[in-house]
Amino acid sequence: MTPVYWNPTRRVIADGALAQLPQAAAEFGAARILLVLGERWFRGSPFYEACRRSLAGSTVVEAPPVQSHPTVEQVAQAAGMLRRSAGRIELVLGIGGGSALDVGKLLAALLPQRHDASADDLEGGAPFEEEPLPFIALPTTAGTGSEVTPFASLTSRARKKITIEHPWLFPRLALIDPLLTHSMSPYVTACTGFDALSQAVESFWAVRHTPFSDTHALQAVALVLEHLEAAVRAPQDRGARFAMALAACEAGLAISQTRTTAVHAVSYPLTALFGVSHGHACALTLASFIRYNVPALAGGRGAALWRAMGSPSAEAAAERIERLMERVGLERSLRRLGIDEAGLDRVVADGFRPDRVGNNPKELTHGALREILQAIY
């Protein structure tokens, strides 16, 4: 298969990029804008008022606040309510972490449809027939890369993480303003940074990798390992925050082509069933999967990845990941995170997802996954 790279999202990254919103809205000719935000931080920040002032020339309708780990029911209900009450929306603007951006993408896609989407429709895939509204993404965290991907993650009625994928979910524009990330707590900074690192490493070794995705992945790996600790320890370090915002975008560009692998597959039940923050859940098994996947990274690919990680070998790279977790305050033990032995079996059962596991470079069995989890118990 010939490697193909396609990512239609226009990208701008600059401190103060939020100020470009009026120009962006004007480019789309949007007189009526739907604003999609998370529950807390942005509304209480000075950036919120600046955003509203910058859009004073348009009518702005706010969607219901997006909760962490949004569900299929919440998105279906919000879309139905907005279709009936919000009037003719012309542009959707999402500002926040991955959850807010994912819901914004989905609302931009669902509002133009002829019929309301149900929770069943969302769990069944991408119920889109009519083209979406244009969507602008402004991330306030540095990790998910949602601003440049065609994916949206939701929690199903069975409390499982599902991912909806469709080319119409690519944002039309990503305005990446690293200043919006300065207020992240050290823990959120560490978690989102490890999400970006996991995405980048997984994209590089994914079965679906291409030479184009490799370039983004290796750049993201190097940026995170160089700058994450500084971003955690010195939140106002503009250089570190800029580098992490760029790393998150680079990792998003990589997985937009390749998707993720077993590390992310295992992270989903750790988050959905036990409340472990997504990036922390990815960090927990990343070093273990580096060791596990070594036999499948022959022919110089492994060496290229270890170099990007500033390490001479896979074992050194894995140990660097473990040391970094400790330095940024991420617990490494599943037991100390409140997961018991029975919980390990639930993680194995729910984390063995064919789409992600099949994209892992080395074949994974249920038994091997159980051993990986037991080793970090």
Protein backbone atom coordinates (compact mmCIF):
# COMPACT_ATOMS: atom_id res chain seq x y z
CA MET A 1 0.00 0.00 0.00
CA THR A 2 1.39 3.41 -0.98
CA PRO A 3 1.80 5.70 2.05
CA VAL A 4 -0.65 8.59 1.89
CA TYR A 5 -0.72 11.65 4.14
CA TRP A 6 -3.85 13.78 4.38
CA ASN A 7 -4.66 16.29 7.08
CA PRO A 8 -6.85 19.24 6.01
CA THR A 9 -6.65 21.21 9.27
CA ARG A 10 -5.02 24.62 8.86
CA ARG A 11 -2.76 25.24 11.84
CA VAL A 12 -1.58 28.40 13.58
CA ILE A 13 0.62 28.28 16.69
CA ALA A 14 1.66 31.45 18.48
CA ASP A 15 1.50 33.00 21.91
CA GLY A 16 -1.58 35.21 21.70
CA ALA A 17 -3.20 33.28 18.82
CA LEU A 18 -6.56 33.73 20.57
CA ALA A 19 -6.55 37.30 19.22
CA GLN A 20 -6.93 35.91 15.69
CA LEU A 21 -10.48 34.71 16.41
CA PRO A 22 -12.29 37.69 14.84
CA GLN A 23 -10.36 37.31 11.61
CA ALA A 24 -11.01 33.57 11.57
CA ALA A 25 -14.75 34.03 12.14
CA ALA A 26 -14.86 36.62 9.39
CA GLU A 27 -13.12 34.24 6.99
CA PHE A 28 -15.95 31.75 7.50
CA GLY A 29 -18.57 34.48 7.15
CA ALA A 30 -20.08 33.43 10.46
CA ALA A 31 -22.70 35.72 11.95
CA ARG A 32 -23.93 33.11 14.45
CA ILE A 33 -21.37 31.04 16.35
CA LEU A 34 -21.77 28.11 18.72
CA LEU A 35 -19.22 28.25 21.55
CA VAL A 36 -18.35 24.89 23.14
CA LEU A 37 -16.46 25.03 26.46
CA GLY A 38 -15.59 22.75 29.34
CA GLU A 39 -17.19 23.04 32.75
CA ARG A 40 -14.77 25.20 34.65
CA TRP A 41 -11.44 26.78 33.86
CA PHE A 42 -11.93 28.83 30.71
CA ARG A 43 -15.12 30.55 31.86
CA GLY A 44 -13.37 31.75 35.01
CA SER A 45 -10.29 33.04 33.21
CA PRO A 46 -9.63 36.45 31.68
CA PHE A 47 -9.40 34.70 28.32
CA TYR A 48 -13.17 34.10 28.40
CA GLU A 49 -14.03 37.78 28.42
CA ALA A 50 -11.36 38.46 25.80
CA CYS A 51 -12.91 35.75 23.63
CA ARG A 52 -16.43 37.15 23.99
CA ARG A 53 -15.22 40.70 23.23
CA SER A 54 -13.36 39.51 20.15
CA LEU A 55 -16.57 37.94 18.83
CA ALA A 56 -18.76 40.94 19.59
CA GLY A 57 -19.58 41.32 15.91
CA SER A 58 -21.30 37.93 15.87
CA THR A 59 -24.14 36.35 17.80
CA VAL A 60 -22.62 33.79 20.17
CA VAL A 61 -24.64 30.86 21.50
CA GLU A 62 -23.09 28.72 24.23
CA ALA A 63 -23.55 24.95 24.24
CA PRO A 64 -24.14 23.14 27.53
CA PRO A 65 -20.83 22.87 29.43
CA VAL A 66 -18.86 19.77 28.47
CA GLN A 67 -18.09 17.44 31.35
CA SER A 68 -14.96 15.34 31.63
CA HIS A 69 -15.45 12.01 29.85
CA PRO A 70 -18.62 13.07 27.97
CA THR A 71 -21.14 10.34 27.25
CA VAL A 72 -23.05 9.41 24.13
CA GLU A 73 -26.29 10.39 25.88
CA GLN A 74 -24.98 13.85 26.77
CA VAL A 75 -23.84 14.59 23.23
CA ALA A 76 -27.06 13.31 21.66
CA GLN A 77 -29.14 15.40 24.07
CA ALA A 78 -27.05 18.53 23.54
CA ALA A 79 -27.22 18.20 19.76
CA GLY A 80 -30.99 17.72 19.83
CA MET A 81 -31.53 20.68 22.14
CA LEU A 82 -29.31 22.97 20.06
CA ARG A 83 -30.96 21.90 16.79
CA ARG A 84 -34.30 23.05 18.21
CA SER A 85 -33.26 26.18 20.10
CA ALA A 86 -30.00 27.66 18.84
CA GLY A 87 -31.12 28.98 15.47
CA ARG A 88 -29.04 28.76 12.33
CA ILE A 89 -25.47 28.16 13.55
CA GLU A 90 -22.79 28.92 10.93
CA LEU A 91 -19.59 28.12 12.82
CA VAL A 92 -18.65 26.03 15.86
CA LEU A 93 -15.81 27.13 18.11
CA GLY A 94 -14.40 24.68 20.66
CA ILE A 95 -12.11 25.89 23.45
CA GLY A 96 -10.80 23.51 26.07
CA GLY A 97 -9.16 20.15 26.59
CA GLY A 98 -9.77 17.04 24.55
CA SER A 99 -13.32 16.50 25.81
CA ALA A 100 -14.50 19.99 24.83
CA LEU A 101 -12.84 19.76 21.42
CA ASP A 102 -14.25 16.29 20.75
CA VAL A 103 -17.78 17.37 21.64
CA GLY A 104 -17.36 20.52 19.56
CA LYS A 105 -16.39 18.42 16.54
CA LEU A 106 -19.41 16.19 17.01
CA LEU A 107 -21.83 19.09 17.40
CA ALA A 108 -20.42 20.70 14.25
CA ALA A 109 -21.11 17.43 12.44
CA LEU A 110 -24.51 16.67 14.01
CA LEU A 111 -26.26 20.04 13.79
CA PRO A 112 -26.62 20.06 9.96
CA GLN A 113 -28.09 16.53 9.85
CA ARG A 114 -31.74 16.04 8.89
CA HIS A 115 -32.60 14.06 12.00
CA ASP A 116 -31.52 14.00 15.63
CA ALA A 117 -28.82 11.45 16.43
CA SER A 118 -29.50 9.03 19.26
CA ALA A 119 -27.05 7.40 21.65
CA ASP A 120 -27.47 4.26 19.52
CA ASP A 121 -26.42 6.22 16.43
CA LEU A 122 -23.29 7.53 18.12
CA GLU A 123 -22.32 4.14 19.47
CA GLY A 124 -22.80 2.74 15.97
CA GLY A 125 -20.23 5.04 14.39
CA ALA A 126 -20.53 8.29 12.50
CA PRO A 127 -24.18 9.06 11.63
CA PHE A 128 -23.36 11.86 9.18
CA GLU A 129 -24.94 12.40 5.76
CA GLU A 130 -24.89 16.19 5.44
CA GLU A 131 -21.56 18.05 5.48
CA PRO A 132 -20.56 19.51 8.85
CA LEU A 133 -20.36 23.10 9.96
CA PRO A 134 -16.84 24.53 10.01
CA PHE A 135 -15.14 23.92 13.35
CA ILE A 136 -12.31 25.93 14.93
CA ALA A 137 -10.35 24.29 17.76
CA LEU A 138 -8.46 26.17 20.47
CA PRO A 139 -6.81 23.69 22.86
CA THR A 140 -6.22 24.74 26.47
CA THR A 141 -4.17 21.64 27.27
CA ALA A 142 -1.10 20.21 25.56
CA GLY A 143 -1.64 16.52 25.00
CA THR A 144 -4.70 15.21 23.20
CA GLY A 145 -3.92 16.59 19.74
CA SER A 146 -7.68 16.66 19.10
CA GLU A 147 -7.21 19.97 17.30
CA VAL A 148 -5.77 18.13 14.29
CA THR A 149 -7.42 14.69 14.31
CA PRO A 150 -10.61 13.17 12.83
CA PHE A 151 -11.45 11.41 16.12
CA ALA A 152 -13.86 12.09 18.96
CA SER A 153 -13.89 9.97 22.12
CA LEU A 154 -17.01 9.39 24.20
CA THR A 155 -18.10 7.09 27.01
CA SER A 156 -20.68 4.51 25.98
CA ARG A 157 -23.71 3.49 28.02
CA ALA A 158 -21.72 0.41 29.04
CA ARG A 159 -19.01 2.72 30.47
CA LYS A 160 -16.52 1.91 27.73
CA LYS A 161 -14.49 4.43 25.83
CA ILE A 162 -15.46 4.54 22.16
CA THR A 163 -13.89 6.55 19.36
CA ILE A 164 -15.90 7.99 16.49
CA GLU A 165 -13.78 8.54 13.39
CA HIS A 166 -14.75 10.40 10.23
CA PRO A 167 -12.93 12.77 7.83
CA TRP A 168 -15.60 15.39 8.58
CA LEU A 169 -14.38 15.53 12.18
CA PHE A 170 -11.11 17.21 11.18
CA PRO A 171 -11.26 20.82 12.42
CA ARG A 172 -11.05 23.39 9.68
CA LEU A 173 -8.66 25.52 11.75
CA ALA A 174 -6.53 24.89 14.83
CA LEU A 175 -5.60 28.08 16.69
CA ILE A 176 -2.94 26.91 19.13
CA ASP A 177 -2.21 29.52 21.78
CA PRO A 178 0.27 28.14 24.33
CA LEU A 179 -0.66 30.95 26.74
CA LEU A 180 -3.98 29.16 27.28
CA THR A 181 -2.09 26.20 28.77
CA HIS A 182 -0.19 28.12 31.47
CA SER A 183 -2.89 27.59 34.11
CA MET A 184 -2.83 23.80 33.92
CA SER A 185 -1.96 22.24 37.26
CA PRO A 186 1.29 20.26 37.50
CA TYR A 187 -0.69 17.00 37.50
CA VAL A 188 -2.75 17.92 34.42
CA THR A 189 0.41 19.14 32.69
CA ALA A 190 2.11 15.81 33.41
CA CYS A 191 -0.88 13.74 32.31
CA THR A 192 -1.51 15.60 29.07
CA GLY A 193 2.19 15.59 28.29
CA PHE A 194 2.34 11.83 28.68
CA ASP A 195 -0.73 11.51 26.46
CA ALA A 196 1.19 13.30 23.72
CA LEU A 197 4.29 11.18 24.33
CA SER A 198 2.29 7.96 24.21
CA GLN A 199 0.56 8.99 21.01
CA ALA A 200 3.89 9.81 19.38
CA VAL A 201 5.63 6.59 20.41
CA GLU A 202 2.62 4.49 19.43
CA SER A 203 2.27 6.23 16.08
CA PHE A 204 5.92 5.52 15.29
CA TRP A 205 5.67 1.81 15.96
CA ALA A 206 2.09 1.38 14.69
CA VAL A 207 1.46 -1.10 11.90
CA ARG A 208 -0.18 1.78 10.01
CA HIS A 209 2.83 4.11 10.25
CA THR A 210 4.12 5.97 7.19
CA PRO A 211 7.29 7.99 6.52
CA PHE A 212 5.19 11.13 6.92
CA SER A 213 3.71 10.15 10.28
CA ASP A 214 7.15 9.07 11.48
CA THR A 215 8.45 12.62 11.05
CA HIS A 216 5.72 14.08 13.26
CA ALA A 217 6.03 11.28 15.81
CA LEU A 218 9.78 11.59 16.34
CA GLN A 219 9.57 15.37 16.63
CA ALA A 220 6.87 15.05 19.29
CA VAL A 221 8.84 12.44 21.25
CA ALA A 222 11.94 14.63 21.38
CA LEU A 223 9.96 17.76 22.36
CA VAL A 224 8.10 16.08 25.23
CA LEU A 225 11.17 14.45 26.73
CA GLU A 226 13.08 17.73 26.58
CA HIS A 227 10.39 20.06 27.93
CA LEU A 228 7.73 18.24 29.97
CA GLU A 229 9.53 18.37 33.31
CA ALA A 230 10.16 22.11 32.92
CA ALA A 231 6.50 22.72 32.08
CA VAL A 232 5.47 20.83 35.23
CA ARG A 233 7.96 22.49 37.55
CA ALA A 234 7.82 26.02 36.09
CA PRO A 235 4.26 26.54 34.78
CA GLN A 236 4.98 30.05 33.46
CA ASP A 237 8.00 28.95 31.41
CA ARG A 238 6.84 30.20 28.01
CA GLY A 239 9.45 28.23 26.11
CA ALA A 240 8.46 24.94 27.76
CA ARG A 241 4.74 25.62 27.31
CA PHE A 242 5.23 26.51 23.64
CA ALA A 243 7.27 23.35 23.07
CA MET A 244 4.63 21.18 24.73
CA ALA A 245 1.82 22.76 22.69
CA LEU A 246 3.82 22.07 19.55
CA ALA A 247 4.54 18.51 20.70
CA ALA A 248 0.84 17.85 21.27
CA CYS A 249 0.03 19.08 17.78
CA GLU A 250 2.83 17.01 16.23
CA ALA A 251 1.62 13.90 18.06
CA GLY A 252 -1.93 14.61 16.91
CA LEU A 253 -0.75 14.95 13.32
CA ALA A 254 0.99 11.58 13.66
CA ILE A 255 -2.00 9.67 15.05
CA SER A 256 -4.35 11.36 12.61
CA GLN A 257 -2.68 9.08 10.06
CA THR A 258 -1.91 5.96 12.10
CA ARG A 259 -4.26 5.80 15.12
CA THR A 260 -2.89 4.47 18.41
CA THR A 261 -1.98 0.98 19.60
CA ALA A 262 -2.09 -1.22 22.70
CA VAL A 263 -0.98 1.47 25.18
CA HIS A 264 -4.12 3.49 24.44
CA ALA A 265 -6.28 0.37 24.33
CA VAL A 266 -5.32 -0.47 27.92
CA SER A 267 -5.69 3.15 29.04
CA TYR A 268 -9.41 3.26 28.22
CA PRO A 269 -10.66 0.83 30.91
CA LEU A 270 -8.20 2.27 33.43
CA THR A 271 -9.96 5.60 32.90
CA ALA A 272 -13.55 4.45 32.37
CA LEU A 273 -13.63 1.85 35.16
CA PHE A 274 -11.20 3.23 37.72
CA GLY A 275 -11.04 6.98 37.08
CA VAL A 276 -7.33 7.16 36.26
CA SER A 277 -6.71 10.29 34.20
CA HIS A 278 -6.27 9.35 30.54
CA GLY A 279 -2.69 10.54 30.12
CA HIS A 280 -1.68 8.97 33.44
CA ALA A 281 -3.30 5.72 32.28
CA CYS A 282 -1.21 5.81 29.11
CA ALA A 283 1.96 6.51 31.05
CA LEU A 284 1.44 3.45 33.25
CA THR A 285 2.13 0.90 30.50
CA LEU A 286 4.29 2.89 28.07
CA ALA A 287 7.65 1.66 29.41
CA SER A 288 6.33 -1.92 29.56
CA PHE A 289 5.21 -1.82 25.95
CA ILE A 290 8.56 -0.39 24.88
CA ARG A 291 10.16 -3.52 26.32
CA TYR A 292 7.45 -5.80 24.91
CA ASN A 293 7.62 -4.42 21.35
CA VAL A 294 11.41 -4.52 20.95
CA PRO A 295 11.44 -7.70 18.81
CA ALA A 296 9.12 -6.04 16.28
CA LEU A 297 11.29 -2.92 15.90
CA ALA A 298 14.21 -4.36 13.99
CA GLY A 299 15.89 -2.90 10.91
CA GLY A 300 16.82 0.41 12.51
CA ARG A 301 13.31 1.51 13.48
CA GLY A 302 13.90 0.83 17.13
CA ALA A 303 17.24 2.61 17.02
CA ALA A 304 15.59 5.70 15.49
CA LEU A 305 13.02 5.77 18.27
CA TRP A 306 15.59 5.31 21.04
CA ARG A 307 17.67 8.16 19.54
CA ALA A 308 14.65 10.47 19.59
CA MET A 309 14.24 9.50 23.24
CA GLY A 310 17.88 10.36 23.94
CA SER A 311 18.62 6.75 24.85
CA PRO A 312 21.09 4.14 23.55
CA SER A 313 18.70 1.19 23.86
CA ALA A 314 15.11 0.14 24.46
CA GLU A 315 15.82 -0.61 28.11
CA ALA A 316 17.38 2.81 28.62
CA ALA A 317 14.37 4.41 26.91
CA ALA A 318 11.95 2.50 29.14
CA GLU A 319 13.90 3.47 32.25
CA ARG A 320 13.87 7.11 31.14
CA ILE A 321 10.06 6.97 30.90
CA GLU A 322 9.85 5.53 34.41
CA ARG A 323 12.19 8.18 35.83
CA LEU A 324 10.22 10.94 34.12
CA MET A 325 6.98 9.66 35.63
CA GLU A 326 8.56 9.89 39.06
CA ARG A 327 9.96 13.38 38.47
CA VAL A 328 6.60 14.77 37.33
CA GLY A 329 4.69 13.07 40.14
CA LEU A 330 2.81 10.27 38.37
CA GLU A 331 2.18 7.16 40.45
CA ARG A 332 3.49 4.01 38.72
CA SER A 333 1.69 1.30 40.75
CA LEU A 334 -1.77 0.07 39.78
CA ARG A 335 -2.34 -1.16 43.34
CA ARG A 336 -1.60 2.26 44.81
CA LEU A 337 -4.08 3.71 42.33
CA GLY A 338 -6.81 1.56 43.87
CA ILE A 339 -6.96 -1.27 41.33
CA ASP A 340 -7.19 -4.75 42.84
CA GLU A 341 -6.40 -8.14 41.29
CA ALA A 342 -9.96 -8.54 40.00
CA GLY A 343 -9.60 -5.12 38.42
CA LEU A 344 -6.64 -6.36 36.40
CA ASP A 345 -8.86 -8.97 34.79
CA ARG A 346 -11.44 -6.31 33.92
CA VAL A 347 -8.75 -4.15 32.33
CA VAL A 348 -7.53 -7.09 30.25
CA ALA A 349 -11.05 -7.92 29.09
CA ASP A 350 -12.03 -4.35 28.21
CA GLY A 351 -8.61 -3.27 26.99
CA PHE A 352 -8.19 -5.98 24.39
CA ARG A 353 -9.57 -3.91 21.52
CA PRO A 354 -8.97 -5.39 18.08
CA ASP A 355 -8.55 -2.04 16.30
CA ARG A 356 -5.80 -0.88 18.69
CA VAL A 357 -4.25 -4.25 19.54
CA GLY A 358 -4.12 -5.17 15.85
CA ASN A 359 -2.18 -1.96 15.19
CA ASN A 360 0.49 -2.92 17.74
CA PRO A 361 3.76 -4.02 16.07
CA LYS A 362 4.08 -7.23 18.11
CA GLU A 363 1.12 -9.58 18.43
CA LEU A 364 -0.49 -9.26 21.83
CA THR A 365 -2.31 -12.01 23.71
CA HIS A 366 -4.59 -11.76 26.73
CA GLY A 367 -1.95 -13.59 28.76
CA ALA A 368 0.83 -11.21 27.73
CA LEU A 369 -1.33 -8.21 28.59
CA ARG A 370 -2.08 -9.70 32.01
CA GLU A 371 1.66 -10.12 32.61
CA ILE A 372 2.33 -6.50 31.63
CA LEU A 373 -0.29 -5.28 34.08
CA GLN A 374 0.90 -7.61 36.83
CA ALA A 375 4.44 -6.24 36.46
CA ILE A 376 3.26 -2.72 37.34
CA TYR A 377 0.81 -3.83 40.03
